[in-house]
């Protein structure tokens, strides 16, 4: 189980106790800008804050997170763009540098969706399929570079089309069995690989604020081909389908639902199989707890943004539930085992003018509990 919490709220709690020296008053003004959000709504906003986490595979992890949000040309008729950054080191000499972004140009003519991961970071490997043991069979130490980018041009109202790229390099891979009595069957790609996928993405996107969607529809269909002709170690094809719907329920509440499918055909290395779990969908399960060629997962969430507390309009809440499975082939046994997760959480309205919340979620599964703190909703 992994615990991560942000120190930002701790710093805010100490805000009123800080004396007014020059350096401390700068800090107070920074926290005040977050709490009061008196800035012009068109002005870009930048937030940076420390994080602390603990996980069995990493020991203690010290990190720094950042968020930058803006409207192209400071025009609020454009959609809100965001860049999330996260960097960390651990007491086991591991490290990571992550960037996620959703960028809209003026008049929303272009949409750039992507993420970058550069990390030397272990993962727990449980095997392939749904009938894998709850205890991991091996810890996988590896260096990874992941670059996924979509450059999508608007060709109609809310409809975008464009090329997609997915590059994943895994090197210095070492499978360490959990114990001397544990024998981990080495999967395809256990020696590392370089895989470049090129393809096409079709996206319908009516979201205005990707960090907190209140009334919109999003659907992506992507086809990626990994081929030795352009340098891939393995030849395989990935099809990804991601559909999300958001509907307002009364003045402040939102009902959100998501259906995610990933389907891989060919020689797929273990690190690029469909991975179930994580902080976004199937919360409560370790990311990659279940993996196989194909995945289907869904979730529904009801958000109270904000709660009708009377004394403040900056605290919200959410409840959610999800179900998912992975499977090797499309046949009668594909859905023989489905896992479930459910939970809830609190929300704090971080930037009132831009309607951005930070979330604290607790998720429960038949294998344990997961805790998550992030800026922006899970989906």
Protein backbone atom coordinates (compact mmCIF):
# COMPACT_ATOMS: atom_id res chain seq x y z
CA UNK A 1 0.00 0.00 0.00
CA UNK A 2 1.23 3.47 -0.86
CA UNK A 3 0.55 6.61 1.12
CA UNK A 4 1.13 10.02 -0.42
CA UNK A 5 0.15 13.34 1.04
CA UNK A 6 0.83 16.93 0.12
CA UNK A 7 2.47 19.28 2.55
CA UNK A 8 0.60 22.23 1.01
CA UNK A 9 -2.35 21.95 3.39
CA UNK A 10 0.01 21.67 6.35
CA UNK A 11 1.70 24.88 5.25
CA UNK A 12 -1.67 26.59 4.89
CA UNK A 13 -2.63 25.45 8.39
CA UNK A 14 0.53 27.12 9.72
CA UNK A 15 -0.18 30.27 7.71
CA UNK A 16 -1.77 32.26 10.52
CA UNK A 17 1.10 31.49 12.91
CA UNK A 18 3.91 32.90 10.73
CA UNK A 19 5.49 36.19 11.92
CA UNK A 20 5.85 39.07 9.47
CA UNK A 21 9.53 39.00 8.61
CA UNK A 22 10.33 39.80 4.96
CA UNK A 23 10.87 36.20 3.79
CA UNK A 24 7.96 34.89 5.80
CA UNK A 25 5.67 37.64 4.55
CA UNK A 26 6.52 36.60 0.97
CA UNK A 27 5.43 33.10 1.92
CA UNK A 28 2.26 34.46 3.52
CA UNK A 29 1.44 36.39 0.35
CA UNK A 30 1.96 33.23 -1.70
CA UNK A 31 -0.40 31.20 0.52
CA UNK A 32 -2.85 34.13 0.61
CA UNK A 33 -2.93 34.18 -3.19
CA UNK A 34 -4.04 30.54 -3.08
CA UNK A 35 -6.58 30.94 -0.29
CA UNK A 36 -8.13 34.19 -1.50
CA UNK A 37 -7.61 33.85 -5.28
CA UNK A 38 -8.13 37.57 -5.86
CA UNK A 39 -6.30 37.49 -9.17
CA UNK A 40 -7.81 38.37 -12.53
CA UNK A 41 -9.50 35.23 -13.87
CA UNK A 42 -7.61 35.60 -17.16
CA UNK A 43 -4.18 35.61 -15.48
CA UNK A 44 -2.16 32.37 -15.64
CA UNK A 45 -1.63 30.74 -12.25
CA UNK A 46 1.29 28.67 -11.01
CA UNK A 47 1.40 26.52 -7.89
CA UNK A 48 4.31 24.52 -6.48
CA UNK A 49 4.23 22.44 -3.30
CA UNK A 50 6.16 19.61 -1.60
CA UNK A 51 4.93 16.02 -1.27
CA UNK A 52 5.86 13.09 0.90
CA UNK A 53 5.06 9.43 0.31
CA UNK A 54 5.85 5.96 1.55
CA UNK A 55 5.62 2.66 -0.32
CA UNK A 56 7.18 -0.77 0.38
CA UNK A 57 8.98 -0.78 -2.98
CA UNK A 58 10.53 2.69 -2.55
CA UNK A 59 10.73 3.46 1.17
CA UNK A 60 10.26 7.20 1.80
CA UNK A 61 9.77 9.42 -1.23
CA UNK A 62 10.33 13.18 -1.18
CA UNK A 63 8.92 15.17 -4.05
CA UNK A 64 7.87 18.48 -5.51
CA UNK A 65 4.66 18.99 -7.47
CA UNK A 66 3.60 21.89 -9.64
CA UNK A 67 0.57 23.05 -11.59
CA UNK A 68 0.37 25.74 -14.27
CA UNK A 69 -3.02 26.74 -15.72
CA UNK A 70 -3.84 29.38 -18.30
CA UNK A 71 -6.18 30.48 -21.07
CA UNK A 72 -4.61 30.97 -24.52
CA UNK A 73 -4.28 34.73 -25.17
CA UNK A 74 -5.86 35.21 -21.72
CA UNK A 75 -9.23 34.71 -23.40
CA UNK A 76 -11.68 32.79 -21.19
CA UNK A 77 -13.68 31.67 -24.23
CA UNK A 78 -10.71 29.40 -24.88
CA UNK A 79 -10.53 26.19 -22.89
CA UNK A 80 -8.41 26.06 -19.77
CA UNK A 81 -4.96 24.55 -20.44
CA UNK A 82 -2.97 22.81 -17.72
CA UNK A 83 0.51 21.43 -17.16
CA UNK A 84 1.15 19.14 -14.18
CA UNK A 85 4.70 18.45 -13.04
CA UNK A 86 6.04 16.07 -10.41
CA UNK A 87 9.59 15.15 -9.48
CA UNK A 88 10.78 12.93 -6.65
CA UNK A 89 13.68 11.05 -5.10
CA UNK A 90 13.56 8.17 -2.63
CA UNK A 91 15.77 6.89 0.14
CA UNK A 92 16.57 3.91 -2.12
CA UNK A 93 18.26 6.20 -4.69
CA UNK A 94 15.32 6.05 -7.08
CA UNK A 95 13.99 9.08 -8.93
CA UNK A 96 11.31 10.27 -11.27
CA UNK A 97 10.34 13.26 -13.42
CA UNK A 98 6.75 13.40 -14.68
CA UNK A 99 4.89 15.91 -16.82
CA UNK A 100 1.25 15.71 -17.95
CA UNK A 101 -0.44 18.31 -20.11
CA UNK A 102 -3.63 19.27 -21.89
CA UNK A 103 -2.99 22.37 -24.02
CA UNK A 104 -5.49 24.26 -26.15
CA UNK A 105 -4.43 26.94 -28.63
CA UNK A 106 -6.39 30.10 -29.47
CA UNK A 107 -9.97 29.39 -30.54
CA UNK A 108 -9.28 25.79 -29.48
CA UNK A 109 -7.94 25.04 -32.96
CA UNK A 110 -5.32 22.60 -31.66
CA UNK A 111 -5.34 20.21 -28.71
CA UNK A 112 -2.10 18.73 -27.41
CA UNK A 113 -2.60 15.86 -24.95
CA UNK A 114 0.36 14.01 -23.52
CA UNK A 115 2.62 12.86 -20.76
CA UNK A 116 6.32 12.35 -20.16
CA UNK A 117 7.89 9.98 -17.62
CA UNK A 118 11.61 9.65 -16.93
CA UNK A 119 12.20 7.40 -13.93
CA UNK A 120 14.32 4.83 -12.20
CA UNK A 121 11.57 3.28 -10.21
CA UNK A 122 10.65 -0.25 -9.12
CA UNK A 123 7.29 -1.89 -9.62
CA UNK A 124 5.63 -4.95 -8.15
CA UNK A 125 4.96 -7.70 -10.68
CA UNK A 126 2.14 -10.12 -9.86
CA UNK A 127 2.11 -12.01 -13.13
CA UNK A 128 -0.24 -11.89 -16.12
CA UNK A 129 -4.02 -12.37 -15.95
CA UNK A 130 -6.72 -12.15 -13.31
CA UNK A 131 -5.73 -15.34 -11.46
CA UNK A 132 -2.45 -13.95 -10.16
CA UNK A 133 -1.51 -14.02 -6.45
CA UNK A 134 -2.30 -11.07 -4.22
CA UNK A 135 1.33 -11.02 -3.07
CA UNK A 136 3.69 -9.88 -5.79
CA UNK A 137 6.00 -12.51 -7.27
CA UNK A 138 8.87 -10.17 -8.12
CA UNK A 139 10.03 -6.61 -7.74
CA UNK A 140 11.09 -5.21 -11.10
CA UNK A 141 13.90 -2.65 -11.00
CA UNK A 142 14.21 -0.71 -14.25
CA UNK A 143 14.93 2.62 -15.89
CA UNK A 144 12.06 3.95 -17.98
CA UNK A 145 11.37 6.69 -20.49
CA UNK A 146 7.74 7.12 -21.56
CA UNK A 147 6.60 9.77 -24.02
CA UNK A 148 3.01 9.83 -25.21
CA UNK A 149 1.78 12.75 -27.30
CA UNK A 150 -1.29 13.58 -29.37
CA UNK A 151 -1.36 16.62 -31.70
CA UNK A 152 -5.00 17.01 -32.65
CA UNK A 153 -6.52 19.56 -35.04
CA UNK A 154 -10.12 20.70 -34.70
CA UNK A 155 -12.02 19.71 -37.82
CA UNK A 156 -15.54 20.31 -36.52
CA UNK A 157 -17.35 21.48 -33.43
CA UNK A 158 -15.59 19.68 -30.55
CA UNK A 159 -14.12 17.13 -32.96
CA UNK A 160 -10.32 16.72 -33.25
CA UNK A 161 -8.15 14.48 -35.45
CA UNK A 162 -4.41 14.05 -35.53
CA UNK A 163 -1.31 11.88 -35.19
CA UNK A 164 -0.34 10.08 -32.00
CA UNK A 165 3.07 8.93 -30.80
CA UNK A 166 3.93 6.52 -27.99
CA UNK A 167 7.58 5.81 -27.16
CA UNK A 168 8.61 3.55 -24.29
CA UNK A 169 12.15 2.57 -23.40
CA UNK A 170 12.77 0.11 -20.56
CA UNK A 171 16.38 -0.68 -19.69
CA UNK A 172 18.51 -2.15 -16.88
CA UNK A 173 15.63 -4.49 -16.06
CA UNK A 174 16.07 -6.82 -13.11
CA UNK A 175 13.37 -9.18 -11.79
CA UNK A 176 14.00 -9.74 -8.07
CA UNK A 177 11.88 -12.63 -6.65
CA UNK A 178 9.89 -11.77 -3.53
CA UNK A 179 11.57 -14.64 -1.66
CA UNK A 180 13.81 -17.62 -2.30
CA UNK A 181 10.71 -19.80 -2.50
CA UNK A 182 9.08 -17.57 -5.12
CA UNK A 183 9.69 -18.39 -8.76
CA UNK A 184 8.67 -15.60 -11.12
CA UNK A 185 8.11 -16.69 -14.70
CA UNK A 186 9.91 -14.13 -16.82
CA UNK A 187 7.53 -12.44 -19.28
CA UNK A 188 8.13 -11.08 -22.75
CA UNK A 189 10.32 -8.00 -22.51
CA UNK A 190 12.09 -9.01 -19.31
CA UNK A 191 15.43 -7.99 -20.83
CA UNK A 192 14.17 -4.51 -21.69
CA UNK A 193 12.90 -3.00 -24.94
CA UNK A 194 12.54 0.12 -27.07
CA UNK A 195 9.12 0.48 -28.62
CA UNK A 196 7.82 3.30 -30.81
CA UNK A 197 4.16 3.42 -31.71
CA UNK A 198 2.79 5.67 -34.45
CA UNK A 199 -0.86 6.12 -35.21
CA UNK A 200 -3.98 8.22 -35.42
CA UNK A 201 -6.31 9.64 -32.81
CA UNK A 202 -9.95 10.68 -33.12
CA UNK A 203 -11.27 12.78 -30.23
CA UNK A 204 -14.60 14.37 -29.42
CA UNK A 205 -14.03 16.84 -26.59
CA UNK A 206 -16.50 19.42 -25.27
CA UNK A 207 -14.69 19.96 -21.93
CA UNK A 208 -13.88 23.53 -20.95
CA UNK A 209 -11.93 22.75 -17.77
CA UNK A 210 -10.17 19.38 -17.89
CA UNK A 211 -9.38 19.50 -14.15
CA UNK A 212 -13.03 19.79 -13.13
CA UNK A 213 -15.57 18.98 -15.82
CA UNK A 214 -19.18 19.87 -15.01
CA UNK A 215 -21.14 19.37 -18.23
CA UNK A 216 -19.42 17.75 -21.20
CA UNK A 217 -18.70 14.65 -23.26
CA UNK A 218 -15.27 13.25 -24.11
CA UNK A 219 -14.45 10.27 -26.29
CA UNK A 220 -11.12 9.14 -27.73
CA UNK A 221 -10.38 6.34 -30.16
CA UNK A 222 -6.70 5.73 -30.89
CA UNK A 223 -4.86 3.22 -33.06
CA UNK A 224 -1.10 2.75 -32.54
CA UNK A 225 1.22 0.48 -34.48
CA UNK A 226 4.56 -0.59 -32.97
CA UNK A 227 6.85 -1.94 -35.67
CA UNK A 228 10.47 -2.89 -36.13
CA UNK A 229 10.48 -0.81 -39.33
CA UNK A 230 10.74 2.31 -37.17
CA UNK A 231 12.87 0.89 -34.39
CA UNK A 232 10.54 -1.09 -32.12
CA UNK A 233 11.87 -4.18 -30.39
CA UNK A 234 8.45 -5.83 -30.64
CA UNK A 235 5.71 -5.71 -33.27
CA UNK A 236 2.20 -5.16 -31.92
CA UNK A 237 -0.89 -2.99 -32.29
CA UNK A 238 -2.79 -1.11 -29.59
CA UNK A 239 -6.36 0.16 -29.77
CA UNK A 240 -7.51 2.50 -27.00
CA UNK A 241 -11.06 3.65 -26.38
CA UNK A 242 -11.82 6.14 -23.60
CA UNK A 243 -15.32 7.61 -23.20
CA UNK A 244 -16.42 9.95 -20.41
CA UNK A 245 -19.70 11.73 -19.74
CA UNK A 246 -20.38 14.50 -17.23
CA UNK A 247 -23.84 15.72 -16.31
CA UNK A 248 -24.83 18.46 -13.83
CA UNK A 249 -27.19 17.36 -11.09
CA UNK A 250 -28.81 20.50 -9.72
CA UNK A 251 -26.77 23.66 -9.20
CA UNK A 252 -23.47 22.28 -7.89
CA UNK A 253 -23.39 18.50 -8.15
CA UNK A 254 -21.98 16.44 -11.02
CA UNK A 255 -22.50 12.85 -12.12
CA UNK A 256 -19.48 11.53 -14.05
CA UNK A 257 -18.93 8.16 -15.71
CA UNK A 258 -16.10 6.57 -17.70
CA UNK A 259 -15.62 3.45 -19.81
CA UNK A 260 -12.02 2.56 -20.73
CA UNK A 261 -10.89 -0.14 -23.11
CA UNK A 262 -7.37 -1.10 -24.18
CA UNK A 263 -6.77 -3.91 -26.65
CA UNK A 264 -3.33 -5.17 -27.72
CA UNK A 265 -2.56 -7.60 -30.55
CA UNK A 266 0.82 -9.16 -31.31
CA UNK A 267 3.99 -9.50 -29.24
CA UNK A 268 3.33 -7.20 -26.29
CA UNK A 269 6.07 -6.72 -23.66
CA UNK A 270 5.02 -6.97 -20.01
CA UNK A 271 5.37 -3.23 -19.39
CA UNK A 272 2.99 -2.31 -22.23
CA UNK A 273 0.23 -4.77 -21.51
CA UNK A 274 -3.09 -3.29 -20.42
CA UNK A 275 -2.54 -2.32 -16.76
CA UNK A 276 -5.43 -2.17 -14.30
CA UNK A 277 -5.34 0.06 -11.23
CA UNK A 278 -3.89 3.42 -10.23
CA UNK A 279 -4.96 6.86 -9.07
CA UNK A 280 -7.35 7.58 -11.95
CA UNK A 281 -9.42 4.44 -12.62
CA UNK A 282 -9.89 1.39 -10.40
CA UNK A 283 -8.58 3.39 -7.46
CA UNK A 284 -7.55 1.17 -4.56
CA UNK A 285 -5.64 -1.27 -6.76
CA UNK A 286 -1.92 -0.93 -7.34
CA UNK A 287 -1.19 0.30 -10.87
CA UNK A 288 -0.46 -2.90 -12.81
CA UNK A 289 -1.82 -5.20 -10.11
CA UNK A 290 -3.58 -6.99 -12.99
CA UNK A 291 -2.20 -6.98 -16.54
CA UNK A 292 -2.97 -8.78 -19.79
CA UNK A 293 -3.48 -8.17 -23.52
CA UNK A 294 -6.86 -6.50 -23.07
CA UNK A 295 -8.62 -4.43 -20.44
CA UNK A 296 -12.12 -3.15 -19.80
CA UNK A 297 -12.74 -0.87 -16.83
CA UNK A 298 -15.51 1.51 -15.85
CA UNK A 299 -16.26 3.91 -13.03
CA UNK A 300 -18.98 6.26 -11.90
CA UNK A 301 -18.56 9.19 -9.52
CA UNK A 302 -20.97 11.62 -7.87
CA UNK A 303 -19.39 14.96 -6.94
CA UNK A 304 -20.70 17.55 -4.50
CA UNK A 305 -18.88 20.73 -5.60
CA UNK A 306 -19.21 22.33 -3.11
CA UNK A 307 -21.06 20.89 -0.15
CA UNK A 308 -23.91 23.11 1.19
CA UNK A 309 -22.19 23.77 4.52
CA UNK A 310 -23.23 27.38 5.00
CA UNK A 311 -19.99 28.57 6.63
CA UNK A 312 -17.84 27.92 3.52
CA UNK A 313 -18.27 27.20 -0.16
CA UNK A 314 -14.78 25.75 -0.68
CA UNK A 315 -15.25 22.20 0.65
CA UNK A 316 -16.69 19.47 -1.53
CA UNK A 317 -16.94 15.70 -1.55
CA UNK A 318 -17.32 12.73 -3.88
CA UNK A 319 -18.32 9.07 -3.83
CA UNK A 320 -17.26 6.62 -6.52
CA UNK A 321 -17.31 2.97 -7.59
CA UNK A 322 -15.53 1.04 -10.33
CA UNK A 323 -15.31 -2.38 -11.94
CA UNK A 324 -12.69 -3.83 -14.26
CA UNK A 325 -11.00 -6.87 -15.71
CA UNK A 326 -8.11 -7.90 -17.96
CA UNK A 327 -8.12 -10.90 -20.30
CA UNK A 328 -5.91 -12.57 -22.96
CA UNK A 329 -8.43 -13.24 -25.73
CA UNK A 330 -11.97 -12.35 -26.75
CA UNK A 331 -13.85 -15.52 -25.84
CA UNK A 332 -16.47 -16.81 -23.41
CA UNK A 333 -14.02 -16.75 -20.50
CA UNK A 334 -12.94 -13.14 -21.05
CA UNK A 335 -15.10 -11.83 -18.21
CA UNK A 336 -14.89 -14.76 -15.83
CA UNK A 337 -13.42 -12.56 -13.10
CA UNK A 338 -14.19 -8.90 -12.45
CA UNK A 339 -12.80 -6.87 -9.56
CA UNK A 340 -14.52 -3.91 -7.89
CA UNK A 341 -13.51 -0.82 -5.99
CA UNK A 342 -15.43 1.91 -4.19
CA UNK A 343 -14.73 4.86 -1.99
CA UNK A 344 -15.14 8.55 -1.37
CA UNK A 345 -13.25 11.67 -0.62
CA UNK A 346 -13.11 15.35 0.23
CA UNK A 347 -12.44 18.30 -2.05
CA UNK A 348 -10.94 21.74 -1.37
CA UNK A 349 -11.54 24.57 -3.85
CA UNK A 350 -7.99 25.68 -4.57
CA UNK A 351 -8.58 28.25 -7.34
CA UNK A 352 -12.18 29.51 -7.03
CA UNK A 353 -12.09 31.66 -10.17
CA UNK A 354 -10.97 28.73 -12.30
CA UNK A 355 -13.08 26.13 -10.43
CA UNK A 356 -10.12 23.86 -9.60
CA UNK A 357 -10.26 21.52 -6.59
CA UNK A 358 -7.65 19.40 -4.87
CA UNK A 359 -8.92 15.94 -3.97
CA UNK A 360 -8.32 13.51 -1.12
CA UNK A 361 -9.71 10.07 -1.98
CA UNK A 362 -9.90 6.81 -0.04
CA UNK A 363 -10.65 3.69 -2.09
CA UNK A 364 -11.52 0.21 -0.84
CA UNK A 365 -11.02 -3.12 -2.61
CA UNK A 366 -11.07 -6.76 -1.59
CA UNK A 367 -7.25 -6.56 -1.35
CA UNK A 368 -6.86 -3.39 0.69
CA UNK A 369 -7.17 0.38 0.78
CA UNK A 370 -5.63 3.17 -1.29
CA UNK A 371 -5.18 6.85 -0.42
CA UNK A 372 -4.74 9.59 -3.03
CA UNK A 373 -4.16 13.35 -2.99
CA UNK A 374 -4.03 15.16 -6.32
CA UNK A 375 -5.04 18.47 -7.87
CA UNK A 376 -7.97 17.97 -10.22
CA UNK A 377 -10.54 15.22 -10.43
CA UNK A 378 -9.60 11.62 -11.23
CA UNK A 379 -11.17 11.85 -14.70
